[in-house]
């Protein structure tokens, strides 16, 4: 029993490490993830490494080109548009539901935090992304729908890579904070229509900004 548990634990650790490295860009698109080499690098056997790579492939983060060779998946303009299509459907629906089911006081507090974010320093930007994560968690809890939450988790896994393209654009970050404040305030006011509309505007602006960045860097998300 312990050997099975150890293997699962090793697989989980490998998955978490590779996921963070892909999302941060340490492992860029097209990077070859050799099963033997990665297992040796992370100090685990090939079986848990193979399991970790299968999980990443299931989420679309890597592509298996052969039984022994896996590469980090590319993320081009068409992929990003497709992500935002499903994101728009899920998040606008979530906004409408959360407006009626959520904790109004919690969303009011989050709106106040978005109003006072400091994006001038790296620490402030890191704190802002942590605030977005807390907002997403509050939204998921308010919606209380496991199917929507599961679909959003998959989308957000890819969005971490996409969001890096906006980190060095202060104007877009400031606009995004204001847009999140509007969404949170609408949720606090229990105005589902306004929350859904504000979400639509935010996602439109986010997609436009990302595609503009991609045009300036046509090699894609690395």
Protein backbone atom coordinates (compact mmCIF):
# COMPACT_ATOMS: atom_id res chain seq x y z
CA UNK A 1 0.00 0.00 0.00
CA UNK A 2 2.80 2.40 0.91
CA UNK A 3 4.48 1.93 -2.49
CA UNK A 4 1.26 2.94 -4.25
CA UNK A 5 0.88 5.97 -1.99
CA UNK A 6 4.50 6.94 -2.53
CA UNK A 7 4.06 6.69 -6.30
CA UNK A 8 0.94 8.86 -6.19
CA UNK A 9 2.70 11.40 -4.00
CA UNK A 10 5.67 11.50 -6.37
CA UNK A 11 3.31 11.92 -9.32
CA UNK A 12 1.48 14.76 -7.57
CA UNK A 13 4.76 16.53 -6.80
CA UNK A 14 5.96 16.14 -10.38
CA UNK A 15 2.64 17.39 -11.74
CA UNK A 16 2.67 20.44 -9.45
CA UNK A 17 6.28 21.29 -10.36
CA UNK A 18 5.79 20.95 -14.10
CA UNK A 19 2.47 22.82 -13.99
CA UNK A 20 4.09 25.78 -12.21
CA UNK A 21 7.02 25.77 -14.64
CA UNK A 22 4.72 25.72 -17.67
CA UNK A 23 2.46 28.44 -16.30
CA UNK A 24 5.39 30.67 -15.33
CA UNK A 25 7.08 30.24 -18.70
CA UNK A 26 10.12 28.47 -17.26
CA UNK A 27 9.18 25.62 -19.60
CA UNK A 28 8.17 27.46 -22.80
CA UNK A 29 5.92 26.28 -25.60
CA UNK A 30 7.66 23.62 -27.66
CA UNK A 31 10.00 22.58 -24.85
CA UNK A 32 10.68 18.85 -25.02
CA UNK A 33 9.84 16.99 -21.82
CA UNK A 34 11.71 13.72 -22.09
CA UNK A 35 10.27 11.23 -19.65
CA UNK A 36 13.66 9.87 -18.60
CA UNK A 37 15.32 13.28 -18.32
CA UNK A 38 12.49 14.87 -16.35
CA UNK A 39 12.24 11.91 -13.98
CA UNK A 40 15.96 12.20 -13.27
CA UNK A 41 15.74 15.98 -12.83
CA UNK A 42 12.93 15.69 -10.28
CA UNK A 43 14.40 12.67 -8.55
CA UNK A 44 11.53 10.26 -9.17
CA UNK A 45 11.02 7.06 -11.14
CA UNK A 46 9.58 6.98 -14.63
CA UNK A 47 6.17 5.60 -13.62
CA UNK A 48 5.03 8.61 -11.54
CA UNK A 49 6.58 10.94 -14.15
CA UNK A 50 4.55 9.22 -16.85
CA UNK A 51 1.40 9.69 -14.75
CA UNK A 52 2.16 13.39 -14.23
CA UNK A 53 2.67 13.92 -17.96
CA UNK A 54 -0.62 12.15 -18.71
CA UNK A 55 -2.46 14.54 -16.38
CA UNK A 56 -0.87 17.55 -18.08
CA UNK A 57 -1.78 16.12 -21.48
CA UNK A 58 -5.39 15.60 -20.36
CA UNK A 59 -5.55 19.32 -19.52
CA UNK A 60 -4.06 20.25 -22.88
CA UNK A 61 -0.89 21.74 -21.41
CA UNK A 62 1.44 19.27 -23.12
CA UNK A 63 1.26 17.16 -26.27
CA UNK A 64 2.61 13.63 -26.43
CA UNK A 65 4.49 13.23 -29.72
CA UNK A 66 5.63 9.69 -28.95
CA UNK A 67 5.53 7.28 -26.00
CA UNK A 68 8.76 8.80 -24.68
CA UNK A 69 8.62 12.41 -25.89
CA UNK A 70 6.19 15.08 -24.72
CA UNK A 71 6.34 18.79 -25.57
CA UNK A 72 4.80 21.85 -23.92
CA UNK A 73 1.73 22.86 -25.92
CA UNK A 74 1.65 26.08 -27.90
CA UNK A 75 -1.02 28.69 -27.18
CA UNK A 76 -1.75 30.83 -30.22
CA UNK A 77 -4.41 33.42 -31.07
CA UNK A 78 -6.98 30.80 -32.10
CA UNK A 79 -6.45 28.90 -28.83
CA UNK A 80 -6.88 32.10 -26.83
CA UNK A 81 -10.07 33.07 -28.67
CA UNK A 82 -11.47 29.59 -28.02
CA UNK A 83 -10.60 29.86 -24.34
CA UNK A 84 -12.37 33.20 -24.06
CA UNK A 85 -15.47 31.85 -25.80
CA UNK A 86 -15.97 29.24 -23.10
CA UNK A 87 -14.75 31.62 -20.41
CA UNK A 88 -17.39 34.20 -21.43
CA UNK A 89 -20.19 31.65 -21.27
CA UNK A 90 -19.09 30.31 -17.89
CA UNK A 91 -18.22 33.58 -16.16
CA UNK A 92 -21.26 35.56 -17.32
CA UNK A 93 -23.50 32.73 -16.11
CA UNK A 94 -21.56 32.58 -12.86
CA UNK A 95 -21.96 36.32 -12.33
CA UNK A 96 -25.73 36.09 -12.69
CA UNK A 97 -25.95 33.18 -10.26
CA UNK A 98 -23.52 34.63 -7.71
CA UNK A 99 -25.44 37.91 -7.58
CA UNK A 100 -28.39 36.04 -6.08
CA UNK A 101 -26.59 33.32 -4.14
CA UNK A 102 -23.45 35.00 -2.83
CA UNK A 103 -22.41 36.88 0.30
CA UNK A 104 -23.07 40.55 -0.50
CA UNK A 105 -20.80 41.78 2.28
CA UNK A 106 -17.90 39.65 1.03
CA UNK A 107 -18.21 41.01 -2.51
CA UNK A 108 -18.47 44.56 -1.17
CA UNK A 109 -15.20 44.02 0.71
CA UNK A 110 -13.56 42.61 -2.42
CA UNK A 111 -14.76 45.61 -4.43
CA UNK A 112 -13.08 47.88 -1.88
CA UNK A 113 -9.84 45.90 -2.18
CA UNK A 114 -9.90 46.22 -5.97
CA UNK A 115 -10.35 49.97 -5.54
CA UNK A 116 -7.16 50.22 -3.50
CA UNK A 117 -4.74 47.89 -5.28
CA UNK A 118 -1.20 49.21 -5.76
CA UNK A 119 0.09 48.13 -9.15
CA UNK A 120 3.23 50.28 -9.15
CA UNK A 121 5.53 47.62 -7.67
CA UNK A 122 6.05 43.96 -8.47
CA UNK A 123 4.79 43.05 -4.99
CA UNK A 124 1.60 44.99 -5.67
CA UNK A 125 1.02 43.19 -8.95
CA UNK A 126 1.59 39.84 -7.25
CA UNK A 127 -0.91 40.85 -4.56
CA UNK A 128 -3.37 41.86 -7.28
CA UNK A 129 -3.23 38.42 -8.90
CA UNK A 130 -3.70 36.86 -5.47
CA UNK A 131 -6.76 39.10 -5.03
CA UNK A 132 -8.15 37.88 -8.35
CA UNK A 133 -7.68 34.30 -7.14
CA UNK A 134 -9.65 35.11 -3.97
CA UNK A 135 -12.37 36.77 -6.05
CA UNK A 136 -12.59 33.70 -8.30
CA UNK A 137 -12.81 31.43 -5.25
CA UNK A 138 -15.59 33.57 -3.75
CA UNK A 139 -17.45 33.49 -7.06
CA UNK A 140 -17.16 29.69 -7.30
CA UNK A 141 -18.36 29.29 -3.73
CA UNK A 142 -21.34 31.56 -4.33
CA UNK A 143 -22.36 29.76 -7.53
CA UNK A 144 -22.07 26.37 -5.77
CA UNK A 145 -22.16 24.36 -9.01
CA UNK A 146 -19.52 21.65 -9.29
CA UNK A 147 -19.88 21.37 -13.07
CA UNK A 148 -19.27 25.07 -13.66
CA UNK A 149 -16.42 25.08 -11.13
CA UNK A 150 -14.73 22.11 -12.81
CA UNK A 151 -14.97 23.71 -16.25
CA UNK A 152 -13.62 27.01 -14.93
CA UNK A 153 -10.67 25.28 -13.25
CA UNK A 154 -9.62 23.88 -16.62
CA UNK A 155 -9.95 27.26 -18.33
CA UNK A 156 -8.06 29.05 -15.55
CA UNK A 157 -5.20 26.56 -15.78
CA UNK A 158 -4.52 27.87 -19.28
CA UNK A 159 -5.30 31.50 -18.43
CA UNK A 160 -2.36 31.69 -16.04
CA UNK A 161 -0.10 31.41 -19.10
CA UNK A 162 -2.11 34.01 -20.99
CA UNK A 163 -2.17 36.52 -18.13
CA UNK A 164 1.61 36.83 -18.20
CA UNK A 165 1.18 38.85 -21.38
CA UNK A 166 -0.53 41.63 -19.41
CA UNK A 167 1.80 41.78 -16.41
CA UNK A 168 4.02 44.43 -17.96
CA UNK A 169 1.16 46.63 -19.20
CA UNK A 170 0.31 49.00 -16.33
CA UNK A 171 -2.59 50.67 -18.13
CA UNK A 172 -4.31 47.34 -18.81
CA UNK A 173 -3.73 46.15 -15.25
CA UNK A 174 -5.26 49.35 -13.85
CA UNK A 175 -8.26 49.00 -16.17
CA UNK A 176 -8.64 45.35 -15.18
CA UNK A 177 -8.67 46.27 -11.48
CA UNK A 178 -11.41 48.84 -12.13
CA UNK A 179 -13.40 46.28 -14.12
CA UNK A 180 -13.13 43.74 -11.31
CA UNK A 181 -14.28 46.40 -8.86
CA UNK A 182 -17.39 47.03 -10.98
CA UNK A 183 -18.17 43.31 -11.15
CA UNK A 184 -17.71 42.84 -7.39
CA UNK A 185 -19.83 45.91 -6.62
CA UNK A 186 -22.63 44.62 -8.86
CA UNK A 187 -22.50 41.27 -7.07
CA UNK A 188 -22.67 43.05 -3.73
CA UNK A 189 -25.73 44.95 -4.98
CA UNK A 190 -27.26 41.65 -6.15
CA UNK A 191 -27.64 43.05 -9.67
CA UNK A 192 -27.18 39.98 -11.86
CA UNK A 193 -27.67 41.80 -15.16
CA UNK A 194 -25.06 44.43 -14.32
CA UNK A 195 -22.63 41.80 -13.02
CA UNK A 196 -22.97 39.77 -16.23
CA UNK A 197 -22.60 42.87 -18.42
CA UNK A 198 -19.55 44.07 -16.47
CA UNK A 199 -18.05 40.59 -16.84
CA UNK A 200 -18.68 40.70 -20.60
CA UNK A 201 -16.96 44.10 -20.88
CA UNK A 202 -14.00 42.90 -18.80
CA UNK A 203 -13.50 39.77 -20.90
CA UNK A 204 -13.80 41.72 -24.15
CA UNK A 205 -11.16 44.20 -23.00
CA UNK A 206 -8.90 41.44 -21.67
CA UNK A 207 -9.06 39.48 -24.93
CA UNK A 208 -8.41 42.60 -27.00
CA UNK A 209 -5.35 43.43 -24.91
CA UNK A 210 -3.98 39.91 -25.11
CA UNK A 211 -4.43 39.69 -28.87
CA UNK A 212 -2.75 43.08 -29.28
CA UNK A 213 0.20 41.74 -27.28
CA UNK A 214 0.25 38.62 -29.41
CA UNK A 215 0.36 40.73 -32.56
CA UNK A 216 3.44 42.47 -31.18
CA UNK A 217 4.91 39.06 -30.31
CA UNK A 218 3.67 36.73 -33.08
CA UNK A 219 5.63 33.73 -31.75
CA UNK A 220 2.83 33.18 -29.25
CA UNK A 221 2.68 32.51 -25.54
CA UNK A 222 6.02 31.14 -24.39
